[in-house]
Amino acid sequence: MKEEGPAAECFISVDVETSGPIPGLYSLLSIGACVAHSEVGRNIDEEAGTFYCTLKPLEEAGSDPAALAVAGLSLEELTRTGSSPEEAMSRFEDWVASVCGNGKPVFVGLNAAFDWSFINYYFHRFLGRNPFGFSALDIKSLYMGAAGSAWADTKSSRMSAALGIPEGEASHHALEDAQAQAKLFVAIQERKGR
């Protein structure tokens, strides 16, 4: 019997904005995602390769004024205009499936531990499953391994400078930040390949 190799991987850069530091006690307010790299061999145009949505805050959750100030989001506005968490996570899951096809989706984040915690919590709480499975790839850790750098050198500004990527200020718009960190991921992968 012929053994099959591993499934093609589809690396999805994900960024979130939240009302505070931990899921459950605070709300996931926006999700931005884009295809960072895909081995699936599908042509995905730029618009179809991105996802963005805002979510209604959880009624039982609190908010940290500093977190809201960073994101520039209004809980009152999101209560009126955001998607329900069930709808948002269902749409996100459908988008991941559409861009990854039969490939394995791989969650990629800059400080993935933070973004992953909210995405994983919301997927399991509202859908009972997570299309990314149970793990995430952290760009900071990847960079440390590829560059042999210290943890202090994994700030996005320092990585951008070392990799020759022009860096602007973090916008704290989830999609824009997901796209910026996707550029870092691709540059690190290219550096590893040298």
Foldseek 3Di string as FASTA:
>chain_A
DDDDDAFWEWEKQKFWQWQDQAPPQTFTFKIKIFTLDTPQPDDDDRVLRIDMFTEQIDPNHDGDVVSCVLLVDDNVVRNVDGHYLLVRLVVVVVSQCVVHPRGQYAYEYAPCVRVVRNNVVSCCVRPVDHSNHDDHHHLLVLLCVLVVDDSVCSDLVNLCVVLVHDDDDPNSRTNVNSVSVSVSVVSSVVSSVD
